[in-house]
Amino acid sequence: MHISAALTQALNAVPADQPVLIAGPTASGKSALALQIAAAQGGVIVNADASQVYDCWRVITARPSAAEERQAPHALYGHVGARDPYSTGHWLREVTALLATGQRPIIVGGTGLYFAALTQGLAEIPATPPDIRTRGDGIALADLLATLDPETASRIDINNRARVQRAWEVQQSTGRSMAAWQDDTGPPVLPLSQCHPIAFDVDKNWLNARIAQRFDLMLEQGALAEVAAHRDSYDPALPAHRAIGVPELMAHLAGEITLAQAKEATIIATRRYAKRQRTWIRNKMADWHRVSLN
């Protein structure tokens, strides 16, 4: 289905009196639908993308532009410093507070863990001591993964270092596995039965083409200058500085690779990330309303 027709169909199916969730892979057009819903029905657009919370990036993470933000109220975009700790728990507490205001949320993004925490509940795991996190930073991904119990490993993206290290940190600091903590999870803040959940189901080739086009647009909009402005403070250990495109453009600025190579590496990394997102949606959002795009 053509993208405009698919989005119109999705918009027409949205009840005006319920919170809306919009999940989908990167570059699939989720924010466009969120803006259409806000324009037609009202509501505040709430970020559910882990990279877009940071104040250091707008262009490179495809955060809504200033013009788009003027079209409707937006929340939880660009409000966290690069060196400030921020987790799924932080995000969930902020969304819970927003829900308490009575505003109708249109929650949009590609971070599956945020949506899972919101609609299924989140275990109250104690914060990781800094010394354990530092120790984990120095351990190879394969070695971190080797220490995890099979149940925990089956529940996380084992190719995502941040998720694997977080599970390792929980096990090291609490003596319990991540899976054990998750099994003690309390009730969800927003069950699926109380909202209208939408998941984008996109064709791989269609999305891959959009990813390449979007990075070209990012470069035109100043992504390289945006990254260069943070070159002196760059720390690859920071989650904020691991946003796709940042390490690649930093390597180009350091003279390690050409801009063409940085572009190719970013597109490949984005496509791999999108593949993981599509897998998550297919496996964990089977009961959401589908929007098919190709």
Protein backbone atom coordinates (compact mmCIF):
# COMPACT_ATOMS: atom_id res chain seq x y z
CA MET A 1 0.00 0.00 0.00
CA HIS A 2 1.24 3.50 -0.79
CA ILE A 3 2.54 5.24 2.32
CA SER A 4 0.06 8.13 2.28
CA ALA A 5 -2.91 5.78 1.84
CA ALA A 6 -1.66 3.47 4.59
CA LEU A 7 -1.18 6.37 7.02
CA THR A 8 -4.62 7.78 6.19
CA GLN A 9 -6.18 4.39 6.81
CA ALA A 10 -4.34 4.09 10.13
CA LEU A 11 -5.43 7.60 11.14
CA ASN A 12 -9.06 6.87 10.39
CA ALA A 13 -8.95 3.81 12.67
CA VAL A 14 -7.65 5.72 15.71
CA PRO A 15 -10.23 6.39 18.45
CA ALA A 16 -10.03 10.01 19.60
CA ASP A 17 -10.49 9.20 23.28
CA GLN A 18 -7.58 6.80 23.85
CA PRO A 19 -3.81 7.06 24.22
CA VAL A 20 -2.00 6.01 21.04
CA LEU A 21 1.21 4.01 20.74
CA ILE A 22 3.12 4.02 17.44
CA ALA A 23 6.07 1.62 17.11
CA GLY A 24 8.13 0.92 14.05
CA PRO A 25 11.63 0.65 12.64
CA THR A 26 13.78 3.69 12.05
CA ALA A 27 12.96 5.81 8.97
CA SER A 28 9.54 4.21 8.50
CA GLY A 29 7.47 7.39 8.92
CA LYS A 30 6.14 6.99 12.47
CA SER A 31 6.50 10.66 13.34
CA ALA A 32 4.46 11.69 10.29
CA LEU A 33 1.53 9.62 11.52
CA ALA A 34 1.90 11.02 15.05
CA LEU A 35 1.69 14.56 13.68
CA GLN A 36 -1.38 13.68 11.62
CA ILE A 37 -3.13 12.24 14.68
CA ALA A 38 -2.24 15.26 16.81
CA ALA A 39 -3.51 17.63 14.12
CA ALA A 40 -6.78 15.75 13.65
CA GLN A 41 -7.56 14.74 17.23
CA GLY A 42 -5.25 16.61 19.58
CA GLY A 43 -2.73 15.22 22.04
CA VAL A 44 0.90 15.50 23.04
CA ILE A 45 3.50 13.59 21.01
CA VAL A 46 5.75 11.67 23.42
CA ASN A 47 9.16 10.32 22.45
CA ALA A 48 9.85 6.59 22.77
CA ASP A 49 13.25 6.55 21.08
CA ALA A 50 16.31 6.08 23.31
CA SER A 51 18.61 8.22 21.13
CA GLN A 52 16.22 11.15 20.75
CA VAL A 53 16.13 11.91 24.49
CA TYR A 54 19.60 13.49 24.33
CA ASP A 55 20.01 17.24 23.97
CA CYS A 56 23.24 17.00 21.98
CA TRP A 57 21.62 15.60 18.85
CA ARG A 58 18.74 16.58 16.64
CA VAL A 59 19.72 15.98 13.02
CA ILE A 60 21.75 12.78 13.45
CA THR A 61 18.99 11.06 15.48
CA ALA A 62 16.14 12.34 13.25
CA ARG A 63 14.50 14.16 16.14
CA PRO A 64 11.48 16.24 15.09
CA SER A 65 12.55 19.57 13.67
CA ALA A 66 11.73 22.84 15.38
CA ALA A 67 9.05 23.42 12.75
CA GLU A 68 7.48 20.04 13.44
CA GLU A 69 7.57 20.69 17.18
CA ARG A 70 5.60 23.88 16.60
CA GLN A 71 2.80 21.90 14.93
CA ALA A 72 1.88 20.00 18.12
CA PRO A 73 3.04 19.67 21.74
CA HIS A 74 6.07 17.35 22.09
CA ALA A 75 7.52 15.77 25.23
CA LEU A 76 10.68 13.87 26.23
CA TYR A 77 12.70 14.98 23.22
CA GLY A 78 16.22 16.36 23.71
CA HIS A 79 15.82 16.84 27.46
CA VAL A 80 18.71 14.69 28.78
CA GLY A 81 22.38 15.67 28.89
CA ALA A 82 24.85 13.36 27.19
CA ARG A 83 26.55 12.53 30.50
CA ASP A 84 23.37 12.15 32.54
CA PRO A 85 22.22 8.61 33.36
CA TYR A 86 19.03 7.63 31.59
CA SER A 87 17.34 4.25 31.44
CA THR A 88 14.05 2.60 30.58
CA GLY A 89 13.08 3.20 34.21
CA HIS A 90 13.74 6.93 33.90
CA TRP A 91 11.61 7.06 30.75
CA LEU A 92 8.76 5.09 32.31
CA ARG A 93 8.64 7.37 35.36
CA GLU A 94 8.47 10.42 33.11
CA VAL A 95 5.68 8.94 31.00
CA THR A 96 3.79 7.90 34.14
CA ALA A 97 3.94 11.50 35.38
CA LEU A 98 2.73 12.77 32.01
CA LEU A 99 -0.21 10.34 32.03
CA ALA A 100 -1.18 11.67 35.46
CA THR A 101 -1.69 15.15 33.98
CA GLY A 102 -4.61 13.91 31.92
CA GLN A 103 -3.06 14.86 28.60
CA ARG A 104 -3.78 12.42 25.79
CA PRO A 105 -0.42 10.92 24.76
CA ILE A 106 0.63 9.87 21.28
CA ILE A 107 3.72 7.83 22.15
CA VAL A 108 5.97 7.23 19.15
CA GLY A 109 9.37 5.62 18.68
CA GLY A 110 11.41 2.57 17.91
CA THR A 111 12.71 1.46 21.31
CA GLY A 112 10.86 -1.77 22.00
CA LEU A 113 11.92 -1.94 25.65
CA TYR A 114 10.17 1.37 26.35
CA PHE A 115 6.89 0.06 24.98
CA ALA A 116 7.29 -3.27 26.79
CA ALA A 117 7.90 -1.49 30.10
CA LEU A 118 4.86 0.74 29.56
CA THR A 119 2.40 -1.96 28.54
CA GLN A 120 3.75 -5.00 30.42
CA GLY A 121 5.42 -3.51 33.49
CA LEU A 122 9.03 -2.95 34.54
CA ALA A 123 10.97 -4.72 37.27
CA GLU A 124 12.23 -2.41 40.04
CA ILE A 125 15.91 -3.34 39.75
CA PRO A 126 18.38 -1.44 41.98
CA ALA A 127 20.74 0.96 40.24
CA THR A 128 24.10 -0.45 39.18
CA PRO A 129 27.06 0.67 41.35
CA PRO A 130 29.51 2.77 39.30
CA ASP A 131 32.43 0.41 39.93
CA ILE A 132 30.55 -2.53 38.44
CA ARG A 133 29.55 -0.49 35.39
CA THR A 134 33.15 0.58 34.89
CA ARG A 135 34.29 -3.03 35.13
CA GLY A 136 31.67 -4.07 32.61
CA ASP A 137 32.82 -1.39 30.17
CA GLY A 138 36.14 -3.21 29.90
CA ILE A 139 34.74 -6.67 29.18
CA ALA A 140 34.18 -7.93 25.64
CA LEU A 141 30.60 -8.51 24.50
CA ALA A 142 31.13 -12.25 24.05
CA ASP A 143 32.51 -12.58 27.58
CA LEU A 144 29.60 -10.63 29.07
CA LEU A 145 27.15 -12.82 27.20
CA ALA A 146 28.87 -16.02 28.33
CA THR A 147 28.07 -15.19 31.97
CA LEU A 148 24.32 -14.77 31.45
CA ASP A 149 21.79 -17.48 32.21
CA PRO A 150 19.97 -18.94 29.18
CA GLU A 151 16.60 -17.45 30.16
CA THR A 152 17.95 -13.92 30.36
CA ALA A 153 19.88 -14.35 27.10
CA SER A 154 16.70 -15.49 25.35
CA ARG A 155 14.88 -12.29 26.33
CA ILE A 156 17.36 -9.68 25.14
CA ASP A 157 18.99 -8.63 21.89
CA ILE A 158 22.31 -10.41 22.30
CA ASN A 159 23.87 -8.23 19.57
CA ASN A 160 23.10 -5.07 21.53
CA ARG A 161 26.02 -4.45 23.84
CA ALA A 162 24.11 -2.02 26.07
CA ARG A 163 21.38 -4.61 26.74
CA VAL A 164 23.85 -7.43 27.35
CA GLN A 165 25.98 -5.32 29.68
CA ARG A 166 22.90 -4.16 31.57
CA ALA A 167 21.91 -7.80 32.18
CA TRP A 168 25.46 -8.58 33.28
CA GLU A 169 25.46 -5.59 35.64
CA VAL A 170 22.17 -6.68 37.21
CA GLN A 171 23.49 -10.18 37.79
CA GLN A 172 26.77 -8.92 39.25
CA SER A 173 25.27 -6.25 41.52
CA THR A 174 22.17 -8.05 42.81
CA GLY A 175 23.07 -11.73 42.63
CA ARG A 176 19.89 -12.35 40.65
CA SER A 177 19.41 -12.70 36.92
CA MET A 178 17.60 -10.11 34.83
CA ALA A 179 14.97 -12.75 34.01
CA ALA A 180 14.32 -13.37 37.71
CA TRP A 181 13.79 -9.65 38.31
CA GLN A 182 11.50 -9.43 35.29
CA ASP A 183 9.40 -12.30 36.56
CA ASP A 184 8.66 -10.22 39.68
CA THR A 185 7.37 -7.33 37.58
CA GLY A 186 4.34 -5.42 38.83
CA PRO A 187 1.28 -4.35 36.80
CA PRO A 188 1.78 -2.15 33.72
CA VAL A 189 1.23 1.59 33.72
CA LEU A 190 -0.74 1.46 30.46
CA PRO A 191 -2.11 -1.95 29.43
CA LEU A 192 -2.73 -2.50 25.73
CA SER A 193 -6.44 -2.81 26.45
CA GLN A 194 -6.50 0.86 27.49
CA CYS A 195 -4.84 2.33 24.41
CA HIS A 196 -4.63 2.04 20.62
CA PRO A 197 -1.31 0.37 19.74
CA ILE A 198 -0.02 0.67 16.16
CA ALA A 199 2.98 -1.22 14.78
CA PHE A 200 4.55 -0.50 11.38
CA ASP A 201 5.12 -3.61 9.26
CA VAL A 202 7.47 -2.53 6.49
CA ASP A 203 9.03 -4.12 3.45
CA LYS A 204 12.81 -4.53 3.91
CA ASN A 205 13.84 -3.22 0.49
CA TRP A 206 11.50 -0.24 0.75
CA LEU A 207 12.91 0.63 4.17
CA ASN A 208 16.54 0.16 3.13
CA ALA A 209 16.07 2.69 0.34
CA ARG A 210 14.50 5.18 2.77
CA ILE A 211 17.38 4.73 5.22
CA ALA A 212 19.92 5.67 2.54
CA GLN A 213 17.85 8.64 1.41
CA ARG A 214 17.40 9.86 4.98
CA PHE A 215 21.12 9.86 5.74
CA ASP A 216 21.75 11.94 2.62
CA LEU A 217 19.14 14.36 3.93
CA MET A 218 20.80 14.39 7.36
CA LEU A 219 24.08 15.41 5.76
CA GLU A 220 22.32 18.16 3.82
CA GLN A 221 20.73 19.39 7.06
CA GLY A 222 24.06 19.65 8.88
CA ALA A 223 24.64 16.30 10.58
CA LEU A 224 28.41 16.52 10.11
CA ALA A 225 28.59 19.98 11.70
CA GLU A 226 26.35 18.81 14.55
CA VAL A 227 28.68 15.91 15.33
CA ALA A 228 31.80 18.07 14.87
CA ALA A 229 30.51 20.49 17.51
CA HIS A 230 30.86 17.72 20.11
CA ARG A 231 34.22 16.40 18.94
CA ASP A 232 36.15 17.70 21.97
CA SER A 233 33.75 16.04 24.43
CA TYR A 234 33.27 12.80 22.48
CA ASP A 235 33.30 9.68 24.65
CA PRO A 236 32.43 6.41 22.86
CA ALA A 237 31.54 4.84 26.22
CA LEU A 238 28.55 7.17 26.62
CA PRO A 239 25.21 5.78 25.37
CA ALA A 240 24.44 9.21 23.91
CA HIS A 241 27.62 9.13 21.83
CA ARG A 242 26.90 5.64 20.52
CA ALA A 243 23.90 6.87 18.53
CA ILE A 244 24.14 5.49 15.00
CA GLY A 245 26.07 7.88 12.78
CA VAL A 246 27.99 9.54 15.59
CA PRO A 247 30.95 7.10 15.83
CA GLU A 248 31.10 6.90 12.05
CA LEU A 249 31.20 10.66 11.50
CA MET A 250 33.62 11.08 14.40
CA ALA A 251 35.95 8.60 12.65
CA HIS A 252 35.70 10.68 9.49
CA LEU A 253 36.46 13.89 11.38
CA ALA A 254 39.51 12.20 12.88
CA GLY A 255 40.77 11.43 9.38
CA GLU A 256 40.38 7.67 9.84
CA ILE A 257 37.85 7.17 7.04
CA THR A 258 36.41 9.17 4.15
CA LEU A 259 32.96 10.73 4.29
CA ALA A 260 31.78 8.16 1.75
CA GLN A 261 33.01 5.37 4.02
CA ALA A 262 31.33 6.98 7.02
CA LYS A 263 28.10 7.21 5.06
CA GLU A 264 28.29 3.55 4.01
CA ALA A 265 29.06 2.40 7.57
CA THR A 266 26.17 4.44 8.98
CA ILE A 267 23.70 3.09 6.45
CA ILE A 268 24.81 -0.50 7.15
CA ALA A 269 24.52 0.03 10.92
CA THR A 270 21.08 1.62 10.53
CA ARG A 271 19.82 -1.23 8.36
CA ARG A 272 21.04 -3.77 10.93
CA TYR A 273 19.30 -1.85 13.68
CA ALA A 274 16.11 -1.70 11.62
CA LYS A 275 16.28 -5.46 11.11
CA ARG A 276 16.39 -5.97 14.89
CA GLN A 277 13.46 -3.59 15.29
CA ARG A 278 11.41 -5.47 12.68
CA THR A 279 12.17 -8.74 14.46
CA TRP A 280 11.07 -7.27 17.80
CA ILE A 281 7.81 -6.00 16.29
CA ARG A 282 7.11 -9.31 14.59
CA ASN A 283 7.79 -11.37 17.74
CA LYS A 284 6.61 -9.11 20.55
CA MET A 285 3.90 -6.89 19.03
CA ALA A 286 1.81 -9.47 17.21
CA ASP A 287 -1.40 -8.20 18.82
CA TRP A 288 -0.87 -4.53 17.84
CA HIS A 289 -2.74 -2.92 14.94
CA ARG A 290 -0.62 -3.26 11.81
CA VAL A 291 0.27 -0.56 9.29
CA SER A 292 1.82 -2.21 6.22
CA LEU A 293 4.19 -0.11 4.13
CA ASN A 294 6.11 -1.04 1.00
